[in-house]
Amino acid sequence: MSRAASAKDRVDDALSRLESMVDERLRVERLRADELAQRLDKIERQHDELKKVAVEVEARLERAMEYIRSLLAADQQ
């Protein structure tokens, strides 16, 4: 085997290993991206639920404050 052919084989082997490494890295990054997307979806759903609870609590507090005001007004009369 000539030196040129040997060098070409080494370069081909190195390129093949590099392609394998890149493919593995892409696979891992895709998995990571999928996991992050799932976590984001879960967090967004939790955020929506918390917003609903906050709106409900705010409404209840407003009703309670109005009730307290009416009691104070009745007490002052």
Protein backbone atom coordinates (compact mmCIF):
# COMPACT_ATOMS: atom_id res chain seq x y z
CA MET A 1 0.00 0.00 0.00
CA SER A 2 1.42 3.37 -0.94
CA ARG A 3 1.91 6.12 1.58
CA ALA A 4 -0.78 8.18 -0.14
CA ALA A 5 -3.27 5.32 0.09
CA SER A 6 -2.36 4.77 3.74
CA ALA A 7 -2.79 8.48 4.49
CA LYS A 8 -6.13 8.48 2.67
CA ASP A 9 -7.29 5.49 4.73
CA ARG A 10 -6.31 7.26 7.97
CA VAL A 11 -8.14 10.42 6.90
CA ASP A 12 -11.22 8.38 5.92
CA ASP A 13 -11.09 6.58 9.27
CA ALA A 14 -10.76 9.87 11.15
CA LEU A 15 -13.66 11.39 9.20
CA SER A 16 -15.79 8.35 9.90
CA ARG A 17 -15.08 8.60 13.63
CA LEU A 18 -15.80 12.33 13.56
CA GLU A 19 -19.12 11.74 11.78
CA SER A 20 -20.03 9.13 14.40
CA MET A 21 -19.19 11.56 17.19
CA VAL A 22 -21.25 14.33 15.57
CA ASP A 23 -24.19 11.97 15.03
CA GLU A 24 -24.07 10.89 18.68
CA ARG A 25 -23.89 14.49 19.84
CA LEU A 26 -26.88 15.39 17.67
CA ARG A 27 -28.84 12.45 19.08
CA VAL A 28 -28.06 13.53 22.64
CA GLU A 29 -28.94 17.15 21.91
CA ARG A 30 -32.25 16.13 20.31
CA LEU A 31 -33.12 14.13 23.42
CA ARG A 32 -32.18 17.08 25.60
CA ALA A 33 -34.26 19.44 23.45
CA ASP A 34 -37.25 17.07 23.69
CA GLU A 35 -36.90 16.88 27.47
CA LEU A 36 -36.67 20.67 27.72
CA ALA A 37 -39.75 21.05 25.53
CA GLN A 38 -41.68 18.70 27.81
CA ARG A 39 -40.54 20.60 30.90
CA LEU A 40 -41.50 23.91 29.31
CA ASP A 41 -44.95 22.56 28.44
CA LYS A 42 -45.44 21.39 32.04
CA ILE A 43 -44.29 24.73 33.43
CA GLU A 44 -46.58 26.64 31.07
CA ARG A 45 -49.55 24.52 32.17
CA GLN A 46 -48.66 25.11 35.83
CA HIS A 47 -48.37 28.83 35.14
CA ASP A 48 -51.84 28.88 33.59
CA GLU A 49 -53.25 27.03 36.60
CA LEU A 50 -51.58 29.47 38.99
CA LYS A 51 -52.97 32.43 37.06
CA LYS A 52 -56.47 30.99 37.41
CA VAL A 53 -55.97 30.51 41.14
CA ALA A 54 -54.60 34.05 41.49
CA VAL A 55 -57.64 35.49 39.72
CA GLU A 56 -59.95 33.48 41.96
CA VAL A 57 -58.12 34.53 45.13
CA GLU A 58 -58.16 38.17 44.03
CA ALA A 59 -61.91 38.03 43.47
CA ARG A 60 -62.49 36.40 46.84
CA LEU A 61 -60.34 39.01 48.57
CA GLU A 62 -62.26 41.81 46.90
CA ARG A 63 -65.56 40.29 48.05
CA ALA A 64 -64.20 39.89 51.58
CA MET A 65 -62.98 43.49 51.66
CA GLU A 66 -66.34 44.71 50.41
CA TYR A 67 -68.08 42.67 53.11
CA ILE A 68 -65.77 44.12 55.77
CA ARG A 69 -66.44 47.64 54.48
CA SER A 70 -70.18 47.03 54.67
CA LEU A 71 -69.84 45.75 58.23
CA LEU A 72 -67.80 48.80 59.22
CA ALA A 73 -70.28 51.13 57.58
CA ALA A 74 -73.18 49.44 59.35
CA ASP A 75 -71.29 49.59 62.66
CA GLN A 76 -70.70 53.32 62.30
CA GLN A 77 -74.38 54.06 61.75
